[in-house]
């Protein structure tokens, strides 16, 4: 129903704090 939960794109733009990913 909602947006994709995981975006596999390796490049992040913007602030480093928003680029942290934890995959469980």
PDBML (XML) file of the C-alpha atoms, coordinates in Angstrom:
<?xml version="1.0" encoding="UTF-8" ?>
<PDBx:datablock datablockName="MODEL"
   xmlns:PDBx="http://pdbml.pdb.org/schema/pdbx-v50.xsd"
   xmlns:xsi="http://www.w3.org/2001/XMLSchema-instance"
   xsi:schemaLocation="http://pdbml.pdb.org/schema/pdbx-v50.xsd pdbx-v50.xsd">
   <PDBx:atom_siteCategory>
      <PDBx:atom_site id="1">
         <PDBx:B_iso_or_equiv>0.00</PDBx:B_iso_or_equiv>
         <PDBx:Cartn_x>0.000</PDBx:Cartn_x>
         <PDBx:Cartn_y>0.000</PDBx:Cartn_y>
         <PDBx:Cartn_z>0.000</PDBx:Cartn_z>
         <PDBx:auth_asym_id>A</PDBx:auth_asym_id>
         <PDBx:auth_atom_id>CA</PDBx:auth_atom_id>
         <PDBx:auth_comp_id>UNK</PDBx:auth_comp_id>
         <PDBx:auth_seq_id>1</PDBx:auth_seq_id>
         <PDBx:group_PDB>ATOM</PDBx:group_PDB>
         <PDBx:label_alt_id xsi:nil="true" />
         <PDBx:label_asym_id>A</PDBx:label_asym_id>
         <PDBx:label_atom_id>CA</PDBx:label_atom_id>
         <PDBx:label_comp_id>UNK</PDBx:label_comp_id>
         <PDBx:label_entity_id>1</PDBx:label_entity_id>
         <PDBx:label_seq_id>1</PDBx:label_seq_id>
         <PDBx:occupancy>1.00</PDBx:occupancy>
         <PDBx:pdbx_PDB_model_num>1</PDBx:pdbx_PDB_model_num>
         <PDBx:type_symbol>C</PDBx:type_symbol>
      </PDBx:atom_site>
      <PDBx:atom_site id="2">
         <PDBx:B_iso_or_equiv>0.00</PDBx:B_iso_or_equiv>
         <PDBx:Cartn_x>2.729</PDBx:Cartn_x>
         <PDBx:Cartn_y>2.482</PDBx:Cartn_y>
         <PDBx:Cartn_z>0.923</PDBx:Cartn_z>
         <PDBx:auth_asym_id>A</PDBx:auth_asym_id>
         <PDBx:auth_atom_id>CA</PDBx:auth_atom_id>
         <PDBx:auth_comp_id>UNK</PDBx:auth_comp_id>
         <PDBx:auth_seq_id>2</PDBx:auth_seq_id>
         <PDBx:group_PDB>ATOM</PDBx:group_PDB>
         <PDBx:label_alt_id xsi:nil="true" />
         <PDBx:label_asym_id>A</PDBx:label_asym_id>
         <PDBx:label_atom_id>CA</PDBx:label_atom_id>
         <PDBx:label_comp_id>UNK</PDBx:label_comp_id>
         <PDBx:label_entity_id>1</PDBx:label_entity_id>
         <PDBx:label_seq_id>2</PDBx:label_seq_id>
         <PDBx:occupancy>1.00</PDBx:occupancy>
         <PDBx:pdbx_PDB_model_num>1</PDBx:pdbx_PDB_model_num>
         <PDBx:type_symbol>C</PDBx:type_symbol>
      </PDBx:atom_site>
      <PDBx:atom_site id="3">
         <PDBx:B_iso_or_equiv>0.00</PDBx:B_iso_or_equiv>
         <PDBx:Cartn_x>6.040</PDBx:Cartn_x>
         <PDBx:Cartn_y>3.563</PDBx:Cartn_y>
         <PDBx:Cartn_z>-0.534</PDBx:Cartn_z>
         <PDBx:auth_asym_id>A</PDBx:auth_asym_id>
         <PDBx:auth_atom_id>CA</PDBx:auth_atom_id>
         <PDBx:auth_comp_id>UNK</PDBx:auth_comp_id>
         <PDBx:auth_seq_id>3</PDBx:auth_seq_id>
         <PDBx:group_PDB>ATOM</PDBx:group_PDB>
         <PDBx:label_alt_id xsi:nil="true" />
         <PDBx:label_asym_id>A</PDBx:label_asym_id>
         <PDBx:label_atom_id>CA</PDBx:label_atom_id>
         <PDBx:label_comp_id>UNK</PDBx:label_comp_id>
         <PDBx:label_entity_id>1</PDBx:label_entity_id>
         <PDBx:label_seq_id>3</PDBx:label_seq_id>
         <PDBx:occupancy>1.00</PDBx:occupancy>
         <PDBx:pdbx_PDB_model_num>1</PDBx:pdbx_PDB_model_num>
         <PDBx:type_symbol>C</PDBx:type_symbol>
      </PDBx:atom_site>
      <PDBx:atom_site id="4">
         <PDBx:B_iso_or_equiv>0.00</PDBx:B_iso_or_equiv>
         <PDBx:Cartn_x>8.920</PDBx:Cartn_x>
         <PDBx:Cartn_y>1.108</PDBx:Cartn_y>
         <PDBx:Cartn_z>-0.968</PDBx:Cartn_z>
         <PDBx:auth_asym_id>A</PDBx:auth_asym_id>
         <PDBx:auth_atom_id>CA</PDBx:auth_atom_id>
         <PDBx:auth_comp_id>UNK</PDBx:auth_comp_id>
         <PDBx:auth_seq_id>4</PDBx:auth_seq_id>
         <PDBx:group_PDB>ATOM</PDBx:group_PDB>
         <PDBx:label_alt_id xsi:nil="true" />
         <PDBx:label_asym_id>A</PDBx:label_asym_id>
         <PDBx:label_atom_id>CA</PDBx:label_atom_id>
         <PDBx:label_comp_id>UNK</PDBx:label_comp_id>
         <PDBx:label_entity_id>1</PDBx:label_entity_id>
         <PDBx:label_seq_id>4</PDBx:label_seq_id>
         <PDBx:occupancy>1.00</PDBx:occupancy>
         <PDBx:pdbx_PDB_model_num>1</PDBx:pdbx_PDB_model_num>
         <PDBx:type_symbol>C</PDBx:type_symbol>
      </PDBx:atom_site>
      <PDBx:atom_site id="5">
         <PDBx:B_iso_or_equiv>0.00</PDBx:B_iso_or_equiv>
         <PDBx:Cartn_x>10.501</PDBx:Cartn_x>
         <PDBx:Cartn_y>0.394</PDBx:Cartn_y>
         <PDBx:Cartn_z>2.396</PDBx:Cartn_z>
         <PDBx:auth_asym_id>A</PDBx:auth_asym_id>
         <PDBx:auth_atom_id>CA</PDBx:auth_atom_id>
         <PDBx:auth_comp_id>UNK</PDBx:auth_comp_id>
         <PDBx:auth_seq_id>5</PDBx:auth_seq_id>
         <PDBx:group_PDB>ATOM</PDBx:group_PDB>
         <PDBx:label_alt_id xsi:nil="true" />
         <PDBx:label_asym_id>A</PDBx:label_asym_id>
         <PDBx:label_atom_id>CA</PDBx:label_atom_id>
         <PDBx:label_comp_id>UNK</PDBx:label_comp_id>
         <PDBx:label_entity_id>1</PDBx:label_entity_id>
         <PDBx:label_seq_id>5</PDBx:label_seq_id>
         <PDBx:occupancy>1.00</PDBx:occupancy>
         <PDBx:pdbx_PDB_model_num>1</PDBx:pdbx_PDB_model_num>
         <PDBx:type_symbol>C</PDBx:type_symbol>
      </PDBx:atom_site>
      <PDBx:atom_site id="6">
         <PDBx:B_iso_or_equiv>0.00</PDBx:B_iso_or_equiv>
         <PDBx:Cartn_x>14.011</PDBx:Cartn_x>
         <PDBx:Cartn_y>-0.010</PDBx:Cartn_y>
         <PDBx:Cartn_z>1.041</PDBx:Cartn_z>
         <PDBx:auth_asym_id>A</PDBx:auth_asym_id>
         <PDBx:auth_atom_id>CA</PDBx:auth_atom_id>
         <PDBx:auth_comp_id>UNK</PDBx:auth_comp_id>
         <PDBx:auth_seq_id>6</PDBx:auth_seq_id>
         <PDBx:group_PDB>ATOM</PDBx:group_PDB>
         <PDBx:label_alt_id xsi:nil="true" />
         <PDBx:label_asym_id>A</PDBx:label_asym_id>
         <PDBx:label_atom_id>CA</PDBx:label_atom_id>
         <PDBx:label_comp_id>UNK</PDBx:label_comp_id>
         <PDBx:label_entity_id>1</PDBx:label_entity_id>
         <PDBx:label_seq_id>6</PDBx:label_seq_id>
         <PDBx:occupancy>1.00</PDBx:occupancy>
         <PDBx:pdbx_PDB_model_num>1</PDBx:pdbx_PDB_model_num>
         <PDBx:type_symbol>C</PDBx:type_symbol>
      </PDBx:atom_site>
      <PDBx:atom_site id="7">
         <PDBx:B_iso_or_equiv>0.00</PDBx:B_iso_or_equiv>
         <PDBx:Cartn_x>15.747</PDBx:Cartn_x>
         <PDBx:Cartn_y>2.068</PDBx:Cartn_y>
         <PDBx:Cartn_z>-1.584</PDBx:Cartn_z>
         <PDBx:auth_asym_id>A</PDBx:auth_asym_id>
         <PDBx:auth_atom_id>CA</PDBx:auth_atom_id>
         <PDBx:auth_comp_id>UNK</PDBx:auth_comp_id>
         <PDBx:auth_seq_id>7</PDBx:auth_seq_id>
         <PDBx:group_PDB>ATOM</PDBx:group_PDB>
         <PDBx:label_alt_id xsi:nil="true" />
         <PDBx:label_asym_id>A</PDBx:label_asym_id>
         <PDBx:label_atom_id>CA</PDBx:label_atom_id>
         <PDBx:label_comp_id>UNK</PDBx:label_comp_id>
         <PDBx:label_entity_id>1</PDBx:label_entity_id>
         <PDBx:label_seq_id>7</PDBx:label_seq_id>
         <PDBx:occupancy>1.00</PDBx:occupancy>
         <PDBx:pdbx_PDB_model_num>1</PDBx:pdbx_PDB_model_num>
         <PDBx:type_symbol>C</PDBx:type_symbol>
      </PDBx:atom_site>
      <PDBx:atom_site id="8">
         <PDBx:B_iso_or_equiv>0.00</PDBx:B_iso_or_equiv>
         <PDBx:Cartn_x>18.856</PDBx:Cartn_x>
         <PDBx:Cartn_y>0.209</PDBx:Cartn_y>
         <PDBx:Cartn_z>-2.800</PDBx:Cartn_z>
         <PDBx:auth_asym_id>A</PDBx:auth_asym_id>
         <PDBx:auth_atom_id>CA</PDBx:auth_atom_id>
         <PDBx:auth_comp_id>UNK</PDBx:auth_comp_id>
         <PDBx:auth_seq_id>8</PDBx:auth_seq_id>
         <PDBx:group_PDB>ATOM</PDBx:group_PDB>
         <PDBx:label_alt_id xsi:nil="true" />
         <PDBx:label_asym_id>A</PDBx:label_asym_id>
         <PDBx:label_atom_id>CA</PDBx:label_atom_id>
         <PDBx:label_comp_id>UNK</PDBx:label_comp_id>
         <PDBx:label_entity_id>1</PDBx:label_entity_id>
         <PDBx:label_seq_id>8</PDBx:label_seq_id>
         <PDBx:occupancy>1.00</PDBx:occupancy>
         <PDBx:pdbx_PDB_model_num>1</PDBx:pdbx_PDB_model_num>
         <PDBx:type_symbol>C</PDBx:type_symbol>
      </PDBx:atom_site>
      <PDBx:atom_site id="9">
         <PDBx:B_iso_or_equiv>0.00</PDBx:B_iso_or_equiv>
         <PDBx:Cartn_x>20.436</PDBx:Cartn_x>
         <PDBx:Cartn_y>3.353</PDBx:Cartn_y>
         <PDBx:Cartn_z>-4.254</PDBx:Cartn_z>
         <PDBx:auth_asym_id>A</PDBx:auth_asym_id>
         <PDBx:auth_atom_id>CA</PDBx:auth_atom_id>
         <PDBx:auth_comp_id>UNK</PDBx:auth_comp_id>
         <PDBx:auth_seq_id>9</PDBx:auth_seq_id>
         <PDBx:group_PDB>ATOM</PDBx:group_PDB>
         <PDBx:label_alt_id xsi:nil="true" />
         <PDBx:label_asym_id>A</PDBx:label_asym_id>
         <PDBx:label_atom_id>CA</PDBx:label_atom_id>
         <PDBx:label_comp_id>UNK</PDBx:label_comp_id>
         <PDBx:label_entity_id>1</PDBx:label_entity_id>
         <PDBx:label_seq_id>9</PDBx:label_seq_id>
         <PDBx:occupancy>1.00</PDBx:occupancy>
         <PDBx:pdbx_PDB_model_num>1</PDBx:pdbx_PDB_model_num>
         <PDBx:type_symbol>C</PDBx:type_symbol>
      </PDBx:atom_site>
      <PDBx:atom_site id="10">
         <PDBx:B_iso_or_equiv>0.00</PDBx:B_iso_or_equiv>
         <PDBx:Cartn_x>23.975</PDBx:Cartn_x>
         <PDBx:Cartn_y>3.637</PDBx:Cartn_y>
         <PDBx:Cartn_z>-2.870</PDBx:Cartn_z>
         <PDBx:auth_asym_id>A</PDBx:auth_asym_id>
         <PDBx:auth_atom_id>CA</PDBx:auth_atom_id>
         <PDBx:auth_comp_id>UNK</PDBx:auth_comp_id>
         <PDBx:auth_seq_id>10</PDBx:auth_seq_id>
         <PDBx:group_PDB>ATOM</PDBx:group_PDB>
         <PDBx:label_alt_id xsi:nil="true" />
         <PDBx:label_asym_id>A</PDBx:label_asym_id>
         <PDBx:label_atom_id>CA</PDBx:label_atom_id>
         <PDBx:label_comp_id>UNK</PDBx:label_comp_id>
         <PDBx:label_entity_id>1</PDBx:label_entity_id>
         <PDBx:label_seq_id>10</PDBx:label_seq_id>
         <PDBx:occupancy>1.00</PDBx:occupancy>
         <PDBx:pdbx_PDB_model_num>1</PDBx:pdbx_PDB_model_num>
         <PDBx:type_symbol>C</PDBx:type_symbol>
      </PDBx:atom_site>
      <PDBx:atom_site id="11">
         <PDBx:B_iso_or_equiv>0.00</PDBx:B_iso_or_equiv>
         <PDBx:Cartn_x>24.298</PDBx:Cartn_x>
         <PDBx:Cartn_y>7.406</PDBx:Cartn_y>
         <PDBx:Cartn_z>-3.334</PDBx:Cartn_z>
         <PDBx:auth_asym_id>A</PDBx:auth_asym_id>
         <PDBx:auth_atom_id>CA</PDBx:auth_atom_id>
         <PDBx:auth_comp_id>UNK</PDBx:auth_comp_id>
         <PDBx:auth_seq_id>11</PDBx:auth_seq_id>
         <PDBx:group_PDB>ATOM</PDBx:group_PDB>
         <PDBx:label_alt_id xsi:nil="true" />
         <PDBx:label_asym_id>A</PDBx:label_asym_id>
         <PDBx:label_atom_id>CA</PDBx:label_atom_id>
         <PDBx:label_comp_id>UNK</PDBx:label_comp_id>
         <PDBx:label_entity_id>1</PDBx:label_entity_id>
         <PDBx:label_seq_id>11</PDBx:label_seq_id>
         <PDBx:occupancy>1.00</PDBx:occupancy>
         <PDBx:pdbx_PDB_model_num>1</PDBx:pdbx_PDB_model_num>
         <PDBx:type_symbol>C</PDBx:type_symbol>
      </PDBx:atom_site>
      <PDBx:atom_site id="12">
         <PDBx:B_iso_or_equiv>0.00</PDBx:B_iso_or_equiv>
         <PDBx:Cartn_x>22.837</PDBx:Cartn_x>
         <PDBx:Cartn_y>9.692</PDBx:Cartn_y>
         <PDBx:Cartn_z>-0.699</PDBx:Cartn_z>
         <PDBx:auth_asym_id>A</PDBx:auth_asym_id>
         <PDBx:auth_atom_id>CA</PDBx:auth_atom_id>
         <PDBx:auth_comp_id>UNK</PDBx:auth_comp_id>
         <PDBx:auth_seq_id>12</PDBx:auth_seq_id>
         <PDBx:group_PDB>ATOM</PDBx:group_PDB>
         <PDBx:label_alt_id xsi:nil="true" />
         <PDBx:label_asym_id>A</PDBx:label_asym_id>
         <PDBx:label_atom_id>CA</PDBx:label_atom_id>
         <PDBx:label_comp_id>UNK</PDBx:label_comp_id>
         <PDBx:label_entity_id>1</PDBx:label_entity_id>
         <PDBx:label_seq_id>12</PDBx:label_seq_id>
         <PDBx:occupancy>1.00</PDBx:occupancy>
         <PDBx:pdbx_PDB_model_num>1</PDBx:pdbx_PDB_model_num>
         <PDBx:type_symbol>C</PDBx:type_symbol>
      </PDBx:atom_site>
      <PDBx:atom_site id="13">
         <PDBx:B_iso_or_equiv>0.00</PDBx:B_iso_or_equiv>
         <PDBx:Cartn_x>22.438</PDBx:Cartn_x>
         <PDBx:Cartn_y>13.404</PDBx:Cartn_y>
         <PDBx:Cartn_z>-1.044</PDBx:Cartn_z>
         <PDBx:auth_asym_id>A</PDBx:auth_asym_id>
         <PDBx:auth_atom_id>CA</PDBx:auth_atom_id>
         <PDBx:auth_comp_id>UNK</PDBx:auth_comp_id>
         <PDBx:auth_seq_id>13</PDBx:auth_seq_id>
         <PDBx:group_PDB>ATOM</PDBx:group_PDB>
         <PDBx:label_alt_id xsi:nil="true" />
         <PDBx:label_asym_id>A</PDBx:label_asym_id>
         <PDBx:label_atom_id>CA</PDBx:label_atom_id>
         <PDBx:label_comp_id>UNK</PDBx:label_comp_id>
         <PDBx:label_entity_id>1</PDBx:label_entity_id>
         <PDBx:label_seq_id>13</PDBx:label_seq_id>
         <PDBx:occupancy>1.00</PDBx:occupancy>
         <PDBx:pdbx_PDB_model_num>1</PDBx:pdbx_PDB_model_num>
         <PDBx:type_symbol>C</PDBx:type_symbol>
      </PDBx:atom_site>
      <PDBx:atom_site id="14">
         <PDBx:B_iso_or_equiv>0.00</PDBx:B_iso_or_equiv>
         <PDBx:Cartn_x>22.170</PDBx:Cartn_x>
         <PDBx:Cartn_y>15.854</PDBx:Cartn_y>
         <PDBx:Cartn_z>1.778</PDBx:Cartn_z>
         <PDBx:auth_asym_id>A</PDBx:auth_asym_id>
         <PDBx:auth_atom_id>CA</PDBx:auth_atom_id>
         <PDBx:auth_comp_id>UNK</PDBx:auth_comp_id>
         <PDBx:auth_seq_id>14</PDBx:auth_seq_id>
         <PDBx:group_PDB>ATOM</PDBx:group_PDB>
         <PDBx:label_alt_id xsi:nil="true" />
         <PDBx:label_asym_id>A</PDBx:label_asym_id>
         <PDBx:label_atom_id>CA</PDBx:label_atom_id>
         <PDBx:label_comp_id>UNK</PDBx:label_comp_id>
         <PDBx:label_entity_id>1</PDBx:label_entity_id>
         <PDBx:label_seq_id>14</PDBx:label_seq_id>
         <PDBx:occupancy>1.00</PDBx:occupancy>
         <PDBx:pdbx_PDB_model_num>1</PDBx:pdbx_PDB_model_num>
         <PDBx:type_symbol>C</PDBx:type_symbol>
      </PDBx:atom_site>
      <PDBx:atom_site id="15">
         <PDBx:B_iso_or_equiv>0.00</PDBx:B_iso_or_equiv>
         <PDBx:Cartn_x>23.000</PDBx:Cartn_x>
         <PDBx:Cartn_y>15.486</PDBx:Cartn_y>
         <PDBx:Cartn_z>5.431</PDBx:Cartn_z>
         <PDBx:auth_asym_id>A</PDBx:auth_asym_id>
         <PDBx:auth_atom_id>CA</PDBx:auth_atom_id>
         <PDBx:auth_comp_id>UNK</PDBx:auth_comp_id>
         <PDBx:auth_seq_id>15</PDBx:auth_seq_id>
         <PDBx:group_PDB>ATOM</PDBx:group_PDB>
         <PDBx:label_alt_id xsi:nil="true" />
         <PDBx:label_asym_id>A</PDBx:label_asym_id>
         <PDBx:label_atom_id>CA</PDBx:label_atom_id>
         <PDBx:label_comp_id>UNK</PDBx:label_comp_id>
         <PDBx:label_entity_id>1</PDBx:label_entity_id>
         <PDBx:label_seq_id>15</PDBx:label_seq_id>
         <PDBx:occupancy>1.00</PDBx:occupancy>
         <PDBx:pdbx_PDB_model_num>1</PDBx:pdbx_PDB_model_num>
         <PDBx:type_symbol>C</PDBx:type_symbol>
      </PDBx:atom_site>
      <PDBx:atom_site id="16">
         <PDBx:B_iso_or_equiv>0.00</PDBx:B_iso_or_equiv>
         <PDBx:Cartn_x>25.098</PDBx:Cartn_x>
         <PDBx:Cartn_y>12.479</PDBx:Cartn_y>
         <PDBx:Cartn_z>6.574</PDBx:Cartn_z>
         <PDBx:auth_asym_id>A</PDBx:auth_asym_id>
         <PDBx:auth_atom_id>CA</PDBx:auth_atom_id>
         <PDBx:auth_comp_id>UNK</PDBx:auth_comp_id>
         <PDBx:auth_seq_id>16</PDBx:auth_seq_id>
         <PDBx:group_PDB>ATOM</PDBx:group_PDB>
         <PDBx:label_alt_id xsi:nil="true" />
         <PDBx:label_asym_id>A</PDBx:label_asym_id>
         <PDBx:label_atom_id>CA</PDBx:label_atom_id>
         <PDBx:label_comp_id>UNK</PDBx:label_comp_id>
         <PDBx:label_entity_id>1</PDBx:label_entity_id>
         <PDBx:label_seq_id>16</PDBx:label_seq_id>
         <PDBx:occupancy>1.00</PDBx:occupancy>
         <PDBx:pdbx_PDB_model_num>1</PDBx:pdbx_PDB_model_num>
         <PDBx:type_symbol>C</PDBx:type_symbol>
      </PDBx:atom_site>
      <PDBx:atom_site id="17">
         <PDBx:B_iso_or_equiv>0.00</PDBx:B_iso_or_equiv>
         <PDBx:Cartn_x>22.698</PDBx:Cartn_x>
         <PDBx:Cartn_y>11.761</PDBx:Cartn_y>
         <PDBx:Cartn_z>9.442</PDBx:Cartn_z>
         <PDBx:auth_asym_id>A</PDBx:auth_asym_id>
         <PDBx:auth_atom_id>CA</PDBx:auth_atom_id>
         <PDBx:auth_comp_id>UNK</PDBx:auth_comp_id>
         <PDBx:auth_seq_id>17</PDBx:auth_seq_id>
         <PDBx:group_PDB>ATOM</PDBx:group_PDB>
         <PDBx:label_alt_id xsi:nil="true" />
         <PDBx:label_asym_id>A</PDBx:label_asym_id>
         <PDBx:label_atom_id>CA</PDBx:label_atom_id>
         <PDBx:label_comp_id>UNK</PDBx:label_comp_id>
         <PDBx:label_entity_id>1</PDBx:label_entity_id>
         <PDBx:label_seq_id>17</PDBx:label_seq_id>
         <PDBx:occupancy>1.00</PDBx:occupancy>
         <PDBx:pdbx_PDB_model_num>1</PDBx:pdbx_PDB_model_num>
         <PDBx:type_symbol>C</PDBx:type_symbol>
      </PDBx:atom_site>
      <PDBx:atom_site id="18">
         <PDBx:B_iso_or_equiv>0.00</PDBx:B_iso_or_equiv>
         <PDBx:Cartn_x>19.983</PDBx:Cartn_x>
         <PDBx:Cartn_y>10.913</PDBx:Cartn_y>
         <PDBx:Cartn_z>6.943</PDBx:Cartn_z>
         <PDBx:auth_asym_id>A</PDBx:auth_asym_id>
         <PDBx:auth_atom_id>CA</PDBx:auth_atom_id>
         <PDBx:auth_comp_id>UNK</PDBx:auth_comp_id>
         <PDBx:auth_seq_id>18</PDBx:auth_seq_id>
         <PDBx:group_PDB>ATOM</PDBx:group_PDB>
         <PDBx:label_alt_id xsi:nil="true" />
         <PDBx:label_asym_id>A</PDBx:label_asym_id>
         <PDBx:label_atom_id>CA</PDBx:label_atom_id>
         <PDBx:label_comp_id>UNK</PDBx:label_comp_id>
         <PDBx:label_entity_id>1</PDBx:label_entity_id>
         <PDBx:label_seq_id>18</PDBx:label_seq_id>
         <PDBx:occupancy>1.00</PDBx:occupancy>
         <PDBx:pdbx_PDB_model_num>1</PDBx:pdbx_PDB_model_num>
         <PDBx:type_symbol>C</PDBx:type_symbol>
      </PDBx:atom_site>
      <PDBx:atom_site id="19">
         <PDBx:B_iso_or_equiv>0.00</PDBx:B_iso_or_equiv>
         <PDBx:Cartn_x>22.247</PDBx:Cartn_x>
         <PDBx:Cartn_y>8.522</PDBx:Cartn_y>
         <PDBx:Cartn_z>5.038</PDBx:Cartn_z>
         <PDBx:auth_asym_id>A</PDBx:auth_asym_id>
         <PDBx:auth_atom_id>CA</PDBx:auth_atom_id>
         <PDBx:auth_comp_id>UNK</PDBx:auth_comp_id>
         <PDBx:auth_seq_id>19</PDBx:auth_seq_id>
         <PDBx:group_PDB>ATOM</PDBx:group_PDB>
         <PDBx:label_alt_id xsi:nil="true" />
         <PDBx:label_asym_id>A</PDBx:label_asym_id>
         <PDBx:label_atom_id>CA</PDBx:label_atom_id>
         <PDBx:label_comp_id>UNK</PDBx:label_comp_id>
         <PDBx:label_entity_id>1</PDBx:label_entity_id>
         <PDBx:label_seq_id>19</PDBx:label_seq_id>
         <PDBx:occupancy>1.00</PDBx:occupancy>
         <PDBx:pdbx_PDB_model_num>1</PDBx:pdbx_PDB_model_num>
         <PDBx:type_symbol>C</PDBx:type_symbol>
      </PDBx:atom_site>
      <PDBx:atom_site id="20">
         <PDBx:B_iso_or_equiv>0.00</PDBx:B_iso_or_equiv>
         <PDBx:Cartn_x>22.568</PDBx:Cartn_x>
         <PDBx:Cartn_y>5.959</PDBx:Cartn_y>
         <PDBx:Cartn_z>7.848</PDBx:Cartn_z>
         <PDBx:auth_asym_id>A</PDBx:auth_asym_id>
         <PDBx:auth_atom_id>CA</PDBx:auth_atom_id>
         <PDBx:auth_comp_id>UNK</PDBx:auth_comp_id>
         <PDBx:auth_seq_id>20</PDBx:auth_seq_id>
         <PDBx:group_PDB>ATOM</PDBx:group_PDB>
         <PDBx:label_alt_id xsi:nil="true" />
         <PDBx:label_asym_id>A</PDBx:label_asym_id>
         <PDBx:label_atom_id>CA</PDBx:label_atom_id>
         <PDBx:label_comp_id>UNK</PDBx:label_comp_id>
         <PDBx:label_entity_id>1</PDBx:label_entity_id>
         <PDBx:label_seq_id>20</PDBx:label_seq_id>
         <PDBx:occupancy>1.00</PDBx:occupancy>
         <PDBx:pdbx_PDB_model_num>1</PDBx:pdbx_PDB_model_num>
         <PDBx:type_symbol>C</PDBx:type_symbol>
      </PDBx:atom_site>
      <PDBx:atom_site id="21">
         <PDBx:B_iso_or_equiv>0.00</PDBx:B_iso_or_equiv>
         <PDBx:Cartn_x>20.848</PDBx:Cartn_x>
         <PDBx:Cartn_y>2.661</PDBx:Cartn_y>
         <PDBx:Cartn_z>7.067</PDBx:Cartn_z>
         <PDBx:auth_asym_id>A</PDBx:auth_asym_id>
         <PDBx:auth_atom_id>CA</PDBx:auth_atom_id>
         <PDBx:auth_comp_id>UNK</PDBx:auth_comp_id>
         <PDBx:auth_seq_id>21</PDBx:auth_seq_id>
         <PDBx:group_PDB>ATOM</PDBx:group_PDB>
         <PDBx:label_alt_id xsi:nil="true" />
         <PDBx:label_asym_id>A</PDBx:label_asym_id>
         <PDBx:label_atom_id>CA</PDBx:label_atom_id>
         <PDBx:label_comp_id>UNK</PDBx:label_comp_id>
         <PDBx:label_entity_id>1</PDBx:label_entity_id>
         <PDBx:label_seq_id>21</PDBx:label_seq_id>
         <PDBx:occupancy>1.00</PDBx:occupancy>
         <PDBx:pdbx_PDB_model_num>1</PDBx:pdbx_PDB_model_num>
         <PDBx:type_symbol>C</PDBx:type_symbol>
      </PDBx:atom_site>
      <PDBx:atom_site id="22">
         <PDBx:B_iso_or_equiv>0.00</PDBx:B_iso_or_equiv>
         <PDBx:Cartn_x>20.200</PDBx:Cartn_x>
         <PDBx:Cartn_y>-0.205</PDBx:Cartn_y>
         <PDBx:Cartn_z>9.432</PDBx:Cartn_z>
         <PDBx:auth_asym_id>A</PDBx:auth_asym_id>
         <PDBx:auth_atom_id>CA</PDBx:auth_atom_id>
         <PDBx:auth_comp_id>UNK</PDBx:auth_comp_id>
         <PDBx:auth_seq_id>22</PDBx:auth_seq_id>
         <PDBx:group_PDB>ATOM</PDBx:group_PDB>
         <PDBx:label_alt_id xsi:nil="true" />
         <PDBx:label_asym_id>A</PDBx:label_asym_id>
         <PDBx:label_atom_id>CA</PDBx:label_atom_id>
         <PDBx:label_comp_id>UNK</PDBx:label_comp_id>
         <PDBx:label_entity_id>1</PDBx:label_entity_id>
         <PDBx:label_seq_id>22</PDBx:label_seq_id>
         <PDBx:occupancy>1.00</PDBx:occupancy>
         <PDBx:pdbx_PDB_model_num>1</PDBx:pdbx_PDB_model_num>
         <PDBx:type_symbol>C</PDBx:type_symbol>
      </PDBx:atom_site>
      <PDBx:atom_site id="23">
         <PDBx:B_iso_or_equiv>0.00</PDBx:B_iso_or_equiv>
         <PDBx:Cartn_x>19.017</PDBx:Cartn_x>
         <PDBx:Cartn_y>-3.369</PDBx:Cartn_y>
         <PDBx:Cartn_z>7.738</PDBx:Cartn_z>
         <PDBx:auth_asym_id>A</PDBx:auth_asym_id>
         <PDBx:auth_atom_id>CA</PDBx:auth_atom_id>
         <PDBx:auth_comp_id>UNK</PDBx:auth_comp_id>
         <PDBx:auth_seq_id>23</PDBx:auth_seq_id>
         <PDBx:group_PDB>ATOM</PDBx:group_PDB>
         <PDBx:label_alt_id xsi:nil="true" />
         <PDBx:label_asym_id>A</PDBx:label_asym_id>
         <PDBx:label_atom_id>CA</PDBx:label_atom_id>
         <PDBx:label_comp_id>UNK</PDBx:label_comp_id>
         <PDBx:label_entity_id>1</PDBx:label_entity_id>
         <PDBx:label_seq_id>23</PDBx:label_seq_id>
         <PDBx:occupancy>1.00</PDBx:occupancy>
         <PDBx:pdbx_PDB_model_num>1</PDBx:pdbx_PDB_model_num>
         <PDBx:type_symbol>C</PDBx:type_symbol>
      </PDBx:atom_site>
      <PDBx:atom_site id="24">
         <PDBx:B_iso_or_equiv>0.00</PDBx:B_iso_or_equiv>
         <PDBx:Cartn_x>17.643</PDBx:Cartn_x>
         <PDBx:Cartn_y>-6.142</PDBx:Cartn_y>
         <PDBx:Cartn_z>9.931</PDBx:Cartn_z>
         <PDBx:auth_asym_id>A</PDBx:auth_asym_id>
         <PDBx:auth_atom_id>CA</PDBx:auth_atom_id>
         <PDBx:auth_comp_id>UNK</PDBx:auth_comp_id>
         <PDBx:auth_seq_id>24</PDBx:auth_seq_id>
         <PDBx:group_PDB>ATOM</PDBx:group_PDB>
         <PDBx:label_alt_id xsi:nil="true" />
         <PDBx:label_asym_id>A</PDBx:label_asym_id>
         <PDBx:label_atom_id>CA</PDBx:label_atom_id>
         <PDBx:label_comp_id>UNK</PDBx:label_comp_id>
         <PDBx:label_entity_id>1</PDBx:label_entity_id>
         <PDBx:label_seq_id>24</PDBx:label_seq_id>
         <PDBx:occupancy>1.00</PDBx:occupancy>
         <PDBx:pdbx_PDB_model_num>1</PDBx:pdbx_PDB_model_num>
         <PDBx:type_symbol>C</PDBx:type_symbol>
      </PDBx:atom_site>
   </PDBx:atom_siteCategory>
</PDBx:datablock>
